[in-house]
Amino acid sequence: MSQRKPYIGGNWKMNLHHAEAAALAAALADRVRGDDVEVAICPAFPYLAAVSSVLCEKGSSIKVGAQDLHALPNGAFTGEVSLSMLQDVGCKTVIVGHSERRHIIGEPDTLINAKVLAALDAGMQVILCIGETIEQREAGKTDAINWGQMGYGLAGVTAEQMSNVVIAYEPVWAIGTGKTATPDDAQQAHAAVRAFLRFGLFNDAVADAVRIQYGGSMKPANAAELLAQPDIDGGLIGGASLKADDFIAIIDAAR
């Protein structure tokens, strides 16, 4: 059994308004107890401060995360949000390279790498997302795509900095579709990711310590079976993170 602490992250994406976000944060803070599972929630930018305030008032261990960041310091970058601004409202972690930003927004690997390096230099925890499309999967390229995205995304990251990095494997074809990789398929992809950390990028110590989340439509019904796999250390949860009962059920499964 792995000694890595499970990590369940909630990516709220472009959902929930102020009152809903605050209410969900409060409900989670009331029910998430103990430190056996690391938990983070990532609201939309406008509600980061409100959610952070709710969690702080309740003395919750739940981390607040941002769904994206700008790699450069404050300045003339209309519409962007800097790391210092995120830290100012209580953010401890950031999602980088989510497939929706890669494939819908069009973010290239080089930009994702710049964000990873900037966030780590600022002392933030990074959740680096990787994953293949259905076309890439059917062509047998799952591992090659994951390794390539990792190689770019982690370029210039030191072994010491990897203690602040979490990898989220999110098969693009399983995000928001209701489709989920089988536990065996997910484990195979996670094991290949860990092998690349071990033999391609870093060493045994890093590979054994880094947590790899599964991010493809994990929900209460399949969480326990997925989380029981030896190389699946948690989940980056989308739709199921918007309902307190569902999100708590997944956290409980991680225990």
Protein backbone atom coordinates (compact mmCIF):
# COMPACT_ATOMS: atom_id res chain seq x y z
CA MET A 1 0.00 0.00 0.00
CA SER A 2 1.38 3.43 -0.93
CA GLN A 3 2.46 5.79 1.84
CA ARG A 4 1.56 8.79 -0.30
CA LYS A 5 -1.21 10.88 1.23
CA PRO A 6 -4.30 10.83 -1.01
CA TYR A 7 -5.13 14.15 -2.64
CA ILE A 8 -8.65 15.03 -3.75
CA GLY A 9 -9.04 18.29 -5.67
CA GLY A 10 -12.28 19.92 -6.72
CA ASN A 11 -12.16 21.86 -9.98
CA TRP A 12 -15.35 23.93 -10.04
CA LYS A 13 -14.54 25.26 -13.54
CA MET A 14 -16.91 28.05 -14.70
CA ASN A 15 -19.69 27.11 -12.29
CA LEU A 16 -21.35 28.51 -9.15
CA HIS A 17 -21.95 32.14 -8.22
CA HIS A 18 -21.03 33.90 -4.99
CA ALA A 19 -23.72 32.55 -2.65
CA GLU A 20 -23.50 29.03 -4.09
CA ALA A 21 -19.70 28.94 -3.88
CA ALA A 22 -19.70 30.20 -0.29
CA ALA A 23 -22.40 27.73 0.73
CA LEU A 24 -20.58 24.78 -0.82
CA ALA A 25 -17.30 25.79 0.82
CA ALA A 26 -19.06 26.06 4.19
CA ALA A 27 -20.70 22.65 3.78
CA LEU A 28 -17.37 21.05 2.94
CA ALA A 29 -15.58 22.79 5.79
CA ASP A 30 -18.16 21.45 8.24
CA ARG A 31 -17.72 17.87 7.05
CA VAL A 32 -14.08 17.46 6.02
CA ARG A 33 -12.16 16.61 9.16
CA GLY A 34 -8.73 15.21 9.81
CA ASP A 35 -5.55 15.35 7.76
CA ASP A 36 -5.44 11.83 6.31
CA VAL A 37 -6.56 13.16 2.92
CA GLU A 38 -5.34 16.42 1.38
CA VAL A 39 -8.26 18.38 -0.07
CA ALA A 40 -8.34 21.46 -2.28
CA ILE A 41 -11.16 23.30 -4.02
CA CYS A 42 -10.68 25.56 -7.02
CA PRO A 43 -13.47 28.13 -7.56
CA ALA A 44 -13.72 30.61 -10.39
CA PHE A 45 -11.50 33.68 -10.01
CA PRO A 46 -14.21 36.11 -8.78
CA TYR A 47 -15.03 33.91 -5.78
CA LEU A 48 -11.58 32.89 -4.59
CA ALA A 49 -11.55 35.48 -1.83
CA ALA A 50 -15.04 34.59 -0.62
CA VAL A 51 -14.31 30.87 -0.51
CA SER A 52 -10.97 31.46 1.19
CA SER A 53 -12.68 33.63 3.81
CA VAL A 54 -15.29 30.95 4.55
CA LEU A 55 -12.65 28.26 4.98
CA CYS A 56 -10.49 30.53 7.14
CA GLU A 57 -13.39 31.46 9.41
CA LYS A 58 -14.16 27.78 9.95
CA GLY A 59 -10.54 26.85 10.56
CA SER A 60 -10.68 24.34 7.72
CA SER A 61 -7.67 22.45 6.40
CA ILE A 62 -9.12 22.55 2.87
CA LYS A 63 -6.81 24.41 0.50
CA VAL A 64 -8.01 27.03 -1.94
CA GLY A 65 -6.69 26.68 -5.45
CA ALA A 66 -6.85 28.65 -8.68
CA GLN A 67 -7.75 27.16 -12.05
CA ASP A 68 -5.05 29.10 -13.91
CA LEU A 69 -2.48 31.87 -13.47
CA HIS A 70 -0.34 34.29 -15.42
CA ALA A 71 3.36 33.48 -15.45
CA LEU A 72 4.60 37.08 -15.18
CA PRO A 73 4.41 39.54 -12.26
CA ASN A 74 1.80 42.28 -11.98
CA GLY A 75 1.79 44.60 -14.95
CA ALA A 76 0.13 45.48 -18.24
CA PHE A 77 -1.61 42.15 -18.89
CA THR A 78 -5.30 42.88 -19.39
CA GLY A 79 -7.61 40.16 -18.16
CA GLU A 80 -4.88 38.13 -16.44
CA VAL A 81 -4.36 37.24 -12.76
CA SER A 82 -0.90 37.13 -11.18
CA LEU A 83 0.50 34.73 -8.62
CA SER A 84 0.85 37.48 -6.04
CA MET A 85 -2.85 38.30 -6.47
CA LEU A 86 -3.76 34.65 -6.00
CA GLN A 87 -1.62 34.42 -2.89
CA ASP A 88 -3.15 37.64 -1.62
CA VAL A 89 -6.59 36.00 -1.50
CA GLY A 90 -5.36 32.82 0.14
CA CYS A 91 -4.53 30.49 -2.75
CA LYS A 92 -2.06 27.73 -1.94
CA THR A 93 -2.25 25.70 -5.14
CA VAL A 94 -2.82 26.22 -8.87
CA ILE A 95 -4.02 24.00 -11.70
CA VAL A 96 -1.78 24.26 -14.76
CA GLY A 97 -2.32 22.80 -18.21
CA HIS A 98 -5.87 21.54 -17.83
CA SER A 99 -7.05 19.94 -21.07
CA GLU A 100 -9.73 22.59 -21.52
CA ARG A 101 -7.01 25.22 -21.56
CA ARG A 102 -4.81 23.15 -23.83
CA HIS A 103 -7.50 22.21 -26.36
CA ILE A 104 -10.10 24.99 -26.11
CA ILE A 105 -7.95 28.01 -25.20
CA GLY A 106 -4.98 26.71 -27.17
CA GLU A 107 -2.23 26.93 -24.55
CA PRO A 108 1.04 25.43 -25.82
CA ASP A 109 3.42 23.32 -23.73
CA THR A 110 5.95 26.14 -23.57
CA LEU A 111 3.44 28.47 -21.89
CA ILE A 112 2.38 25.71 -19.50
CA ASN A 113 6.01 25.20 -18.54
CA ALA A 114 6.45 28.94 -17.88
CA LYS A 115 3.44 28.83 -15.55
CA VAL A 116 4.75 25.76 -13.73
CA LEU A 117 8.14 27.37 -13.13
CA ALA A 118 6.65 30.69 -12.02
CA ALA A 119 4.24 29.02 -9.60
CA LEU A 120 6.95 26.85 -8.06
CA ASP A 121 9.30 29.82 -7.75
CA ALA A 122 6.51 31.62 -5.86
CA GLY A 123 6.20 28.70 -3.43
CA MET A 124 2.85 27.50 -4.76
CA GLN A 125 1.78 23.90 -5.15
CA VAL A 126 1.21 22.96 -8.80
CA ILE A 127 -1.28 20.43 -10.14
CA LEU A 128 0.04 19.72 -13.63
CA CYS A 129 -2.57 18.18 -15.91
CA ILE A 130 -1.66 15.77 -18.70
CA GLY A 131 -3.71 13.47 -20.89
CA GLU A 132 -4.57 12.19 -24.34
CA THR A 133 -7.50 12.70 -26.69
CA ILE A 134 -9.60 9.81 -27.95
CA GLU A 135 -7.80 9.92 -31.32
CA GLN A 136 -4.43 9.70 -29.60
CA ARG A 137 -5.63 6.88 -27.37
CA GLU A 138 -6.97 4.85 -30.29
CA ALA A 139 -3.64 5.35 -32.08
CA GLY A 140 -1.81 3.82 -29.11
CA LYS A 141 -0.15 7.12 -28.16
CA THR A 142 -1.39 7.49 -24.56
CA ASP A 143 2.03 7.08 -22.93
CA ALA A 144 3.86 9.10 -25.57
CA ILE A 145 1.46 12.04 -25.15
CA ASN A 146 1.68 11.91 -21.36
CA TRP A 147 5.45 11.68 -21.39
CA GLY A 148 5.73 14.53 -23.87
CA GLN A 149 3.45 16.82 -21.87
CA MET A 150 5.37 15.97 -18.71
CA GLY A 151 8.73 16.52 -20.34
CA TYR A 152 7.72 19.98 -21.53
CA GLY A 153 5.74 20.91 -18.43
CA LEU A 154 8.46 19.92 -15.97
CA ALA A 155 11.44 21.24 -17.96
CA GLY A 156 13.71 23.12 -15.58
CA VAL A 157 11.95 21.84 -12.45
CA THR A 158 14.37 20.48 -9.86
CA ALA A 159 13.97 17.26 -7.91
CA GLU A 160 13.54 19.36 -4.76
CA GLN A 161 10.73 21.38 -6.34
CA MET A 162 8.87 18.19 -7.23
CA SER A 163 7.72 17.96 -3.62
CA ASN A 164 5.33 20.78 -4.59
CA VAL A 165 4.10 19.11 -7.79
CA VAL A 166 1.08 16.86 -8.23
CA ILE A 167 0.41 15.22 -11.60
CA ALA A 168 -3.22 14.90 -12.72
CA TYR A 169 -3.76 12.32 -15.48
CA GLU A 170 -6.95 13.31 -17.23
CA PRO A 171 -7.88 11.33 -20.31
CA VAL A 172 -9.48 14.07 -22.39
CA TRP A 173 -12.12 11.69 -23.76
CA ALA A 174 -13.38 11.02 -20.20
CA ILE A 175 -13.77 14.61 -19.00
CA GLY A 176 -17.38 15.67 -18.61
CA THR A 177 -18.52 12.84 -20.87
CA GLY A 178 -19.52 10.35 -18.20
CA LYS A 179 -16.99 7.94 -19.69
CA THR A 180 -14.29 6.67 -17.36
CA ALA A 181 -11.18 4.66 -18.00
CA THR A 182 -11.43 1.23 -16.44
CA PRO A 183 -9.43 0.91 -13.22
CA ASP A 184 -6.92 -1.28 -15.08
CA ASP A 185 -6.57 1.23 -17.92
CA ALA A 186 -6.17 4.12 -15.49
CA GLN A 187 -3.62 2.19 -13.45
CA GLN A 188 -1.63 1.35 -16.57
CA ALA A 189 -1.45 5.03 -17.55
CA HIS A 190 -0.54 6.09 -14.01
CA ALA A 191 2.17 3.45 -13.77
CA ALA A 192 3.68 4.67 -17.03
CA VAL A 193 3.64 8.25 -15.73
CA ARG A 194 5.45 7.15 -12.58
CA ALA A 195 7.96 5.16 -14.61
CA PHE A 196 8.79 8.25 -16.66
CA LEU A 197 9.36 10.23 -13.46
CA ARG A 198 11.65 7.42 -12.29
CA PHE A 199 13.66 6.65 -15.42
CA GLY A 200 13.13 9.59 -17.74
CA LEU A 201 13.01 12.76 -15.69
CA PHE A 202 14.14 12.28 -12.09
CA ASN A 203 14.86 9.31 -9.81
CA ASP A 204 13.36 6.72 -7.47
CA ALA A 205 12.81 9.18 -4.63
CA VAL A 206 10.80 11.60 -6.77
CA ALA A 207 8.83 8.86 -8.50
CA ASP A 208 7.91 7.21 -5.21
CA ALA A 209 6.83 10.50 -3.61
CA VAL A 210 4.91 12.33 -6.34
CA ARG A 211 1.15 11.92 -6.18
CA ILE A 212 -0.70 11.20 -9.42
CA GLN A 213 -4.40 12.04 -9.48
CA TYR A 214 -6.96 10.59 -11.86
CA GLY A 215 -9.05 13.26 -13.55
CA GLY A 216 -11.57 11.63 -15.82
CA SER A 217 -15.14 11.61 -14.50
CA MET A 218 -14.40 10.18 -11.06
CA LYS A 219 -17.59 10.00 -9.02
CA PRO A 220 -18.85 8.22 -5.87
CA ALA A 221 -19.82 5.10 -7.81
CA ASN A 222 -16.34 4.44 -9.20
CA ALA A 223 -14.02 6.30 -6.81
CA ALA A 224 -13.19 3.40 -4.48
CA GLU A 225 -12.21 1.05 -7.30
CA LEU A 226 -10.07 3.69 -9.01
CA LEU A 227 -8.42 4.83 -5.77
CA ALA A 228 -7.59 1.25 -4.83
CA GLN A 229 -5.08 1.08 -7.70
CA PRO A 230 -1.46 1.27 -6.50
CA ASP A 231 -0.44 4.28 -8.59
CA ILE A 232 -3.67 6.33 -8.31
CA ASP A 233 -3.18 8.72 -5.40
CA GLY A 234 -6.34 10.78 -5.62
CA GLY A 235 -8.60 12.58 -8.03
CA LEU A 236 -9.06 15.94 -9.72
CA ILE A 237 -12.83 16.09 -9.65
CA GLY A 238 -15.03 18.16 -11.94
CA GLY A 239 -18.81 17.73 -11.88
CA ALA A 240 -18.93 15.66 -8.71
CA SER A 241 -17.08 18.40 -6.80
CA LEU A 242 -20.08 20.73 -7.20
CA LYS A 243 -22.22 18.68 -4.82
CA ALA A 244 -21.11 18.36 -1.21
CA ASP A 245 -22.41 14.82 -0.75
CA ASP A 246 -20.71 13.53 -3.88
CA PHE A 247 -17.39 15.24 -3.14
CA ILE A 248 -17.41 14.01 0.47
CA ALA A 249 -18.14 10.48 -0.73
CA ILE A 250 -15.04 10.59 -2.94
CA ILE A 251 -12.92 11.95 -0.08
CA ASP A 252 -14.21 9.13 2.11
CA ALA A 253 -13.29 6.61 -0.59
CA ALA A 254 -9.74 7.97 -0.58
CA ARG A 255 -9.47 7.12 3.10
